[in-house]
């Protein structure tokens, strides 16, 4: 058996943990630059607030219903997610596959039905006690069925649903919407519905030959998983990323090269840390710029450029230098830019990278300096030691007018309790 644990209404629930006034009240979390709704509490969902709804369309309902609004606080969400996953790892009978910030899989092979339910109950109780967050748990023979069980568990007071046995699974899939299945995208859902296949059970009953012809290999895996045949293994070791990028929108239009360069340097530094954390170097770097294509009044422009880096590197100073070179090639004055972005690809392990005949830099010394900078920033706070090109004023930063504090990672922002 396979279990999946999912944090209910993750971002909104985390905000409610640290703001008692928002508990049992409708609250939403907004996307970058406070543009759209990306998370909703159960109470906000009950009001009919849709996922990804633009915030300007929600103004009336926010004022009328007293909806509490938050900007995305990724530092807080990431730390709380880590605490949840750490709690689960102490109880789960096997290593976790952390699938996303709010979900993880783990194997329950060898556990009886009673043991599975007891473990799930222990996880729910302990996560609630340690973090204040509520989780739902689905248990089934395959990942796809476990995801379906998890969705059904959210409707139950106990928050746990197990799917086992042919008849039990068939009964659960009978009314399960096909579009809610893990792995069924918008296009496949529309195609299947046109054929009258509107539930997971009807999809499971389709001939395998039809699935092969119309839904590719991924569809065939999903079909087998619905039959209880596990085709998607648990990956307890997260594979290294093949690409690392950053491309946040600006809080206000940027028109000068200096501000663009400052933002780009910050994004490059963030990517470089992630690259070093997975012990890789990059040999390809791409930079792009883009105006706001939704603003029809302004002139529009976008461009990108890529170069090969020899020898491959993961040093922030070198990556900023290469990114700056590319930005100078594509930046044009006279435009109001909405975003700048960087993408690192062509990874190689840092201990086997190819050297260069004309490379005269003392790379051992540069790497030691970079490690010292990383250690200081990790111990104290992000960007405590930074490169001058990353700037300090950062007028280009995302608009986050409703940002909560970093209660768990910044000592000066920790909750104060008066008794």
Protein backbone atom coordinates (compact mmCIF):
# COMPACT_ATOMS: atom_id res chain seq x y z
CA UNK A 1 0.00 0.00 0.00
CA UNK A 2 1.02 3.60 -0.66
CA UNK A 3 0.05 6.61 1.44
CA UNK A 4 -0.05 10.30 0.53
CA UNK A 5 -0.21 13.05 3.13
CA UNK A 6 -1.50 16.44 2.01
CA UNK A 7 -1.64 19.68 4.02
CA UNK A 8 -5.19 21.02 3.76
CA UNK A 9 -5.37 24.47 2.10
CA UNK A 10 -1.64 24.75 2.72
CA UNK A 11 -0.76 28.45 2.36
CA UNK A 12 -4.02 29.72 3.85
CA UNK A 13 -3.82 27.23 6.74
CA UNK A 14 -0.27 28.31 7.60
CA UNK A 15 -1.37 31.94 7.75
CA UNK A 16 -4.26 30.95 10.03
CA UNK A 17 -1.90 29.15 12.43
CA UNK A 18 -0.11 32.43 13.20
CA UNK A 19 -3.18 34.70 13.02
CA UNK A 20 -5.90 33.42 15.38
CA UNK A 21 -8.22 36.21 14.19
CA UNK A 22 -8.37 34.57 10.75
CA UNK A 23 -9.35 31.10 11.99
CA UNK A 24 -12.79 29.94 10.91
CA UNK A 25 -12.98 33.01 8.67
CA UNK A 26 -12.56 33.27 4.89
CA UNK A 27 -8.98 34.08 3.95
CA UNK A 28 -7.02 33.97 0.71
CA UNK A 29 -3.36 34.15 -0.29
CA UNK A 30 -2.32 36.14 -3.34
CA UNK A 31 0.24 35.39 -6.04
CA UNK A 32 3.39 37.36 -6.85
CA UNK A 33 2.69 41.10 -6.91
CA UNK A 34 -0.66 40.41 -5.23
CA UNK A 35 -2.20 39.72 -8.62
CA UNK A 36 -4.43 36.65 -8.18
CA UNK A 37 -5.73 34.18 -5.62
CA UNK A 38 -3.45 31.13 -5.24
CA UNK A 39 -4.75 29.66 -1.98
CA UNK A 40 -8.10 29.69 -0.18
CA UNK A 41 -9.30 28.61 3.21
CA UNK A 42 -12.30 26.28 3.37
CA UNK A 43 -14.47 29.27 4.28
CA UNK A 44 -13.26 31.22 1.22
CA UNK A 45 -14.02 28.24 -1.02
CA UNK A 46 -17.53 28.14 0.42
CA UNK A 47 -18.02 31.73 -0.73
CA UNK A 48 -17.32 30.64 -4.31
CA UNK A 49 -13.90 32.29 -4.63
CA UNK A 50 -12.14 30.54 -7.50
CA UNK A 51 -8.50 29.52 -7.75
CA UNK A 52 -6.42 31.99 -9.84
CA UNK A 53 -9.18 34.60 -9.78
CA UNK A 54 -7.70 38.10 -10.36
CA UNK A 55 -7.79 40.10 -7.15
CA UNK A 56 -9.48 43.10 -8.79
CA UNK A 57 -12.46 40.87 -9.54
CA UNK A 58 -12.67 39.87 -5.87
CA UNK A 59 -12.76 43.36 -4.34
CA UNK A 60 -16.51 43.38 -3.85
CA UNK A 61 -16.71 39.96 -2.18
CA UNK A 62 -13.63 40.72 -0.05
CA UNK A 63 -15.25 43.86 1.34
CA UNK A 64 -18.74 42.39 1.67
CA UNK A 65 -17.70 39.12 3.38
CA UNK A 66 -14.73 40.43 5.33
CA UNK A 67 -12.27 38.14 3.57
CA UNK A 68 -8.78 38.32 5.11
CA UNK A 69 -6.10 38.75 2.45
CA UNK A 70 -2.39 37.78 2.61
CA UNK A 71 0.53 38.19 0.23
CA UNK A 72 2.55 35.03 -0.47
CA UNK A 73 5.14 34.45 2.26
CA UNK A 74 7.31 31.75 0.70
CA UNK A 75 9.91 31.76 3.49
CA UNK A 76 7.25 30.95 6.10
CA UNK A 77 5.53 28.35 3.91
CA UNK A 78 8.79 26.58 3.08
CA UNK A 79 9.84 26.35 6.72
CA UNK A 80 6.45 25.13 7.92
CA UNK A 81 6.38 22.54 5.13
CA UNK A 82 9.80 21.27 6.24
CA UNK A 83 8.51 20.92 9.82
CA UNK A 84 5.51 18.91 8.64
CA UNK A 85 7.66 16.60 6.49
CA UNK A 86 10.13 16.12 9.33
CA UNK A 87 7.29 15.17 11.68
CA UNK A 88 5.88 12.67 9.19
CA UNK A 89 9.30 11.10 8.59
CA UNK A 90 9.56 10.09 12.27
CA UNK A 91 6.26 8.17 12.09
CA UNK A 92 6.12 6.81 8.53
CA UNK A 93 7.37 3.21 8.15
CA UNK A 94 9.44 4.09 5.04
CA UNK A 95 11.38 7.06 3.59
CA UNK A 96 9.28 9.91 2.20
CA UNK A 97 9.00 11.13 -1.36
CA UNK A 98 8.39 14.85 -0.89
CA UNK A 99 6.29 15.47 -3.98
CA UNK A 100 5.51 19.16 -3.42
CA UNK A 101 5.50 21.77 -0.67
CA UNK A 102 2.30 20.31 0.75
CA UNK A 103 2.40 16.62 -0.27
CA UNK A 104 4.48 13.52 0.34
CA UNK A 105 4.21 9.82 -0.51
CA UNK A 106 5.54 6.85 1.44
CA UNK A 107 5.22 3.08 1.22
CA UNK A 108 3.15 1.07 3.68
CA UNK A 109 4.16 -2.34 2.33
CA UNK A 110 4.05 -5.00 5.02
CA UNK A 111 1.53 -3.11 7.15
CA UNK A 112 -1.88 -4.59 7.88
CA UNK A 113 -5.04 -2.58 7.31
CA UNK A 114 -5.27 -1.76 11.02
CA UNK A 115 -1.62 -0.73 11.13
CA UNK A 116 -2.06 1.54 8.11
CA UNK A 117 -4.99 3.31 9.70
CA UNK A 118 -3.18 3.61 13.04
CA UNK A 119 -0.09 5.13 11.40
CA UNK A 120 -2.26 7.59 9.47
CA UNK A 121 -4.10 8.56 12.66
CA UNK A 122 -0.79 9.07 14.51
CA UNK A 123 0.50 11.30 11.69
CA UNK A 124 -2.60 13.49 11.69
CA UNK A 125 -2.55 13.90 15.45
CA UNK A 126 1.19 14.59 15.72
CA UNK A 127 1.32 17.04 12.80
CA UNK A 128 -1.58 18.97 14.33
CA UNK A 129 0.13 18.99 17.72
CA UNK A 130 3.56 20.02 16.38
CA UNK A 131 2.54 22.57 13.74
CA UNK A 132 -1.14 23.42 14.15
CA UNK A 133 -1.82 22.23 10.60
CA UNK A 134 -4.40 19.67 9.50
CA UNK A 135 -3.50 16.99 6.95
CA UNK A 136 -5.57 14.56 4.90
CA UNK A 137 -4.27 11.05 4.18
CA UNK A 138 -5.13 8.71 1.33
CA UNK A 139 -4.03 5.05 1.32
CA UNK A 140 -4.27 2.73 -1.70
CA UNK A 141 -2.29 0.16 -3.73
CA UNK A 142 -0.99 2.76 -6.23
CA UNK A 143 -0.09 6.44 -6.33
CA UNK A 144 -3.02 7.39 -8.58
CA UNK A 145 -5.51 5.61 -6.33
CA UNK A 146 -3.85 7.11 -3.24
CA UNK A 147 -4.31 10.60 -4.71
CA UNK A 148 -7.97 9.81 -5.34
CA UNK A 149 -8.32 8.48 -1.78
CA UNK A 150 -6.72 11.66 -0.46
CA UNK A 151 -9.24 13.83 -2.29
CA UNK A 152 -12.06 11.74 -0.81
CA UNK A 153 -10.46 11.95 2.65
CA UNK A 154 -10.77 15.74 2.65
CA UNK A 155 -14.55 15.34 2.82
CA UNK A 156 -14.40 13.10 5.89
CA UNK A 157 -14.20 14.30 9.52
CA UNK A 158 -11.44 11.74 10.22
CA UNK A 159 -9.42 12.98 7.23
CA UNK A 160 -8.32 9.44 6.30
CA UNK A 161 -9.54 7.24 3.45
CA UNK A 162 -8.25 3.82 2.48
CA UNK A 163 -9.05 2.21 -0.88
CA UNK A 164 -8.41 -1.52 -0.94
CA UNK A 165 -10.19 -4.46 -2.52
CA UNK A 166 -11.68 -4.55 -6.01
CA UNK A 167 -15.26 -3.69 -5.02
CA UNK A 168 -14.28 -0.94 -2.56
CA UNK A 169 -12.09 0.75 -5.19
CA UNK A 170 -14.73 0.41 -7.92
CA UNK A 171 -17.38 1.93 -5.65
CA UNK A 172 -15.13 4.91 -4.84
CA UNK A 173 -14.31 5.51 -8.51
CA UNK A 174 -17.94 5.28 -9.60
CA UNK A 175 -18.68 8.93 -8.76
CA UNK A 176 -15.11 10.27 -8.92
CA UNK A 177 -14.88 12.97 -11.67
CA UNK A 178 -12.38 12.01 -14.35
CA UNK A 179 -10.93 15.54 -14.40
CA UNK A 180 -9.95 15.16 -10.73
CA UNK A 181 -7.68 12.20 -11.42
CA UNK A 182 -3.95 12.76 -10.96
CA UNK A 183 -2.40 12.88 -14.44
CA UNK A 184 -5.55 13.87 -16.35
CA UNK A 185 -5.04 17.32 -17.81
CA UNK A 186 -7.63 19.74 -19.16
CA UNK A 187 -7.42 18.48 -22.74
CA UNK A 188 -7.70 14.79 -21.88
CA UNK A 189 -10.61 15.54 -19.55
CA UNK A 190 -12.51 17.32 -22.33
CA UNK A 191 -11.75 14.56 -24.82
CA UNK A 192 -12.90 11.83 -22.43
CA UNK A 193 -16.08 13.68 -21.51
CA UNK A 194 -17.01 14.06 -25.18
CA UNK A 195 -16.88 10.27 -25.34
CA UNK A 196 -19.07 9.95 -22.27
CA UNK A 197 -16.18 8.99 -19.99
CA UNK A 198 -16.88 11.36 -17.11
CA UNK A 199 -15.85 9.23 -14.12
CA UNK A 200 -12.69 7.40 -13.07
CA UNK A 201 -14.53 4.06 -13.14
CA UNK A 202 -15.56 4.55 -16.78
CA UNK A 203 -11.96 5.35 -17.66
CA UNK A 204 -10.79 2.20 -15.90
CA UNK A 205 -13.29 0.15 -17.93
CA UNK A 206 -11.93 1.36 -21.29
CA UNK A 207 -9.94 -1.22 -23.31
CA UNK A 208 -6.17 -1.04 -22.90
CA UNK A 209 -5.81 -0.90 -26.70
CA UNK A 210 -7.86 2.32 -26.80
CA UNK A 211 -5.76 3.84 -24.02
CA UNK A 212 -2.53 3.02 -25.91
CA UNK A 213 -3.84 4.59 -29.10
CA UNK A 214 -5.36 7.74 -27.59
CA UNK A 215 -3.52 8.52 -24.35
CA UNK A 216 0.15 7.59 -24.92
CA UNK A 217 2.37 5.73 -22.45
CA UNK A 218 1.53 8.06 -19.55
CA UNK A 219 -2.16 7.34 -20.04
CA UNK A 220 -1.45 3.62 -20.07
CA UNK A 221 0.39 3.91 -16.74
CA UNK A 222 -2.55 5.78 -15.25
CA UNK A 223 -4.95 3.13 -16.57
CA UNK A 224 -2.94 0.33 -14.96
CA UNK A 225 -2.70 2.25 -11.69
CA UNK A 226 -6.50 2.52 -11.64
CA UNK A 227 -6.54 -1.29 -11.84
CA UNK A 228 -4.28 -1.47 -8.77
CA UNK A 229 -1.08 -2.22 -10.73
CA UNK A 230 1.69 0.07 -9.45
CA UNK A 231 3.58 1.71 -12.34
CA UNK A 232 4.79 4.93 -10.70
CA UNK A 233 7.40 4.07 -8.05
CA UNK A 234 8.11 6.06 -4.92
CA UNK A 235 11.28 8.15 -5.29
CA UNK A 236 12.65 8.64 -1.79
CA UNK A 237 15.74 10.33 -3.25
CA UNK A 238 14.76 13.53 -5.04
CA UNK A 239 16.54 13.68 -8.42
CA UNK A 240 18.67 16.71 -9.17
CA UNK A 241 17.06 19.45 -11.20
CA UNK A 242 18.00 19.61 -14.88
CA UNK A 243 17.41 23.37 -14.97
CA UNK A 244 17.27 26.15 -12.37
CA UNK A 245 15.71 29.51 -13.08
CA UNK A 246 14.20 32.62 -11.56
CA UNK A 247 11.94 35.16 -13.28
CA UNK A 248 9.76 37.12 -10.87
CA UNK A 249 7.65 40.03 -12.07
CA UNK A 250 8.59 43.49 -10.82
CA UNK A 251 6.40 45.33 -8.33
CA UNK A 252 6.50 48.36 -10.65
CA UNK A 253 7.66 48.86 -14.26
CA UNK A 254 11.44 49.10 -14.55
CA UNK A 255 12.98 51.38 -17.17
CA UNK A 256 16.67 51.70 -16.23
CA UNK A 257 19.49 49.25 -16.87
CA UNK A 258 20.80 49.66 -13.32
CA UNK A 259 17.56 48.44 -11.73
CA UNK A 260 17.27 45.59 -14.24
CA UNK A 261 20.87 44.60 -13.48
CA UNK A 262 20.24 44.73 -9.74
CA UNK A 263 17.21 42.43 -10.01
CA UNK A 264 19.00 40.04 -12.34
CA UNK A 265 21.98 39.81 -10.00
CA UNK A 266 19.65 38.90 -7.14
CA UNK A 267 17.96 36.19 -9.21
CA UNK A 268 21.31 34.78 -10.35
CA UNK A 269 22.56 34.63 -6.75
CA UNK A 270 19.43 32.69 -5.71
CA UNK A 271 19.89 30.21 -8.57
CA UNK A 272 23.58 29.81 -7.79
CA UNK A 273 22.84 28.75 -4.20
CA UNK A 274 20.42 26.08 -5.46
CA UNK A 275 23.03 24.93 -7.97
CA UNK A 276 25.71 24.55 -5.28
CA UNK A 277 23.27 22.76 -2.97
CA UNK A 278 22.92 19.96 -5.51
CA UNK A 279 26.71 20.00 -6.10
CA UNK A 280 26.52 20.90 -9.78
CA UNK A 281 28.09 23.41 -12.13
CA UNK A 282 26.41 25.01 -15.13
CA UNK A 283 27.76 25.39 -18.66
CA UNK A 284 24.79 27.26 -20.16
CA UNK A 285 23.19 30.48 -18.97
CA UNK A 286 20.21 32.25 -20.53
CA UNK A 287 18.77 35.69 -19.77
CA UNK A 288 15.49 37.15 -20.99
CA UNK A 289 13.63 40.44 -20.63
CA UNK A 290 9.95 41.16 -21.17
CA UNK A 291 7.55 44.09 -21.04
CA UNK A 292 3.93 43.87 -19.87
CA UNK A 293 2.03 42.53 -22.89
CA UNK A 294 -1.28 43.13 -21.11
CA UNK A 295 -0.66 46.87 -21.17
CA UNK A 296 -1.65 47.84 -24.70
CA UNK A 297 -0.73 51.49 -24.17
CA UNK A 298 3.02 50.86 -23.88
CA UNK A 299 5.54 49.72 -26.49
CA UNK A 300 6.20 45.98 -26.28
CA UNK A 301 9.51 44.16 -26.42
CA UNK A 302 10.97 40.83 -25.35
CA UNK A 303 14.27 39.11 -26.06
CA UNK A 304 16.59 36.43 -24.75
CA UNK A 305 20.17 35.32 -25.23
CA UNK A 306 22.17 32.22 -24.24
CA UNK A 307 25.91 31.64 -23.96
CA UNK A 308 28.13 28.68 -23.14
CA UNK A 309 30.27 28.97 -20.03
CA UNK A 310 33.77 27.46 -20.16
CA UNK A 311 34.80 26.11 -17.77
CA UNK A 312 31.48 25.26 -16.10
CA UNK A 313 30.97 27.09 -12.81
CA UNK A 314 28.69 27.49 -9.80
CA UNK A 315 30.34 30.65 -8.41
CA UNK A 316 27.90 33.51 -7.94
CA UNK A 317 30.47 36.12 -9.01
CA UNK A 318 31.12 34.42 -12.35
CA UNK A 319 27.45 33.76 -13.05
CA UNK A 320 26.56 37.40 -12.35
CA UNK A 321 29.32 38.46 -14.73
CA UNK A 322 27.99 36.26 -17.55
CA UNK A 323 24.37 37.30 -16.88
CA UNK A 324 25.39 40.97 -16.97
CA UNK A 325 27.03 40.44 -20.35
CA UNK A 326 23.83 38.93 -21.74
CA UNK A 327 21.63 41.67 -20.27
CA UNK A 328 23.73 44.35 -21.96
CA UNK A 329 23.18 42.57 -25.27
CA UNK A 330 19.38 42.50 -25.05
CA UNK A 331 18.45 45.52 -22.93
CA UNK A 332 16.93 48.41 -24.87
CA UNK A 333 16.15 51.79 -23.28
CA UNK A 334 12.75 53.37 -23.72
CA UNK A 335 10.68 50.39 -22.59
CA UNK A 336 8.80 49.66 -19.37
CA UNK A 337 9.96 46.18 -18.39
CA UNK A 338 7.75 43.79 -16.44
CA UNK A 339 10.32 41.10 -15.70
CA UNK A 340 13.83 39.83 -16.21
CA UNK A 341 14.79 36.21 -15.83
CA UNK A 342 17.72 33.81 -15.78
CA UNK A 343 17.91 30.09 -16.56
CA UNK A 344 20.84 27.77 -15.80
CA UNK A 345 21.17 24.48 -17.71
CA UNK A 346 23.86 22.09 -18.95
CA UNK A 347 24.71 20.77 -15.49
CA UNK A 348 27.72 18.65 -14.60
CA UNK A 349 28.89 17.41 -11.16
CA UNK A 350 31.24 19.98 -9.65
CA UNK A 351 33.91 17.35 -8.93
CA UNK A 352 34.21 16.17 -12.56
CA UNK A 353 33.87 19.39 -14.55
CA UNK A 354 36.06 19.89 -17.60
CA UNK A 355 38.89 22.38 -17.17
CA UNK A 356 40.12 24.98 -19.65
CA UNK A 357 43.63 25.39 -20.99
CA UNK A 358 43.61 29.19 -20.61
CA UNK A 359 41.82 29.35 -17.26
CA UNK A 360 44.24 31.16 -14.92
CA UNK A 361 41.93 31.62 -11.92
CA UNK A 362 42.70 29.99 -8.59
CA UNK A 363 39.42 28.07 -8.40
CA UNK A 364 40.23 26.40 -5.09
CA UNK A 365 40.59 29.83 -3.49
CA UNK A 366 37.41 31.17 -5.13
CA UNK A 367 35.44 28.10 -4.05
CA UNK A 368 36.67 28.47 -0.45
CA UNK A 369 35.56 32.11 -0.42
CA UNK A 370 32.15 31.14 -1.82
CA UNK A 371 31.71 28.44 0.84
CA UNK A 372 32.51 30.99 3.55
CA UNK A 373 29.88 33.39 2.15
CA UNK A 374 27.28 30.60 1.97
CA UNK A 375 28.04 29.57 5.56
CA UNK A 376 27.59 33.12 6.86
CA UNK A 377 24.33 33.60 4.97
CA UNK A 378 22.99 30.26 6.15
CA UNK A 379 23.85 30.93 9.77
CA UNK A 380 22.64 34.53 9.98
CA UNK A 381 20.20 35.42 7.20
CA UNK A 382 19.86 35.34 3.45
CA UNK A 383 22.05 37.89 1.63
CA UNK A 384 23.80 38.97 4.82
CA UNK A 385 26.90 38.95 2.62
CA UNK A 386 26.07 39.93 -0.93
CA UNK A 387 27.63 41.22 -4.11
CA UNK A 388 27.41 44.97 -4.70
CA UNK A 389 25.49 44.50 -7.96
CA UNK A 390 22.59 42.96 -5.97
CA UNK A 391 21.88 46.38 -4.44
CA UNK A 392 20.05 47.35 -1.26
CA UNK A 393 17.05 49.57 -2.08
CA UNK A 394 15.39 47.05 -4.43
CA UNK A 395 12.59 49.33 -5.59
CA UNK A 396 11.81 46.68 -8.22
CA UNK A 397 10.76 44.05 -5.67
CA UNK A 398 7.39 42.31 -5.89
CA UNK A 399 4.40 44.14 -4.48
CA UNK A 400 3.52 42.41 -1.20
CA UNK A 401 1.22 44.80 0.64
CA UNK A 402 -0.35 42.07 2.82
CA UNK A 403 2.81 40.20 3.79
CA UNK A 404 2.85 38.42 7.14
CA UNK A 405 6.00 38.05 9.23
CA UNK A 406 8.58 35.27 9.01
CA UNK A 407 7.55 33.89 12.39
CA UNK A 408 9.75 30.78 12.32
CA UNK A 409 12.97 31.94 10.68
CA UNK A 410 13.65 35.56 11.80
CA UNK A 411 14.26 36.08 15.51
CA UNK A 412 13.17 39.72 15.33
CA UNK A 413 9.84 38.66 13.80
CA UNK A 414 9.02 35.85 16.21
CA UNK A 415 5.58 35.97 17.86
CA UNK A 416 5.37 37.81 21.15
CA UNK A 417 2.94 36.34 23.68
CA UNK A 418 1.66 38.43 26.60
CA UNK A 419 0.39 36.62 29.70
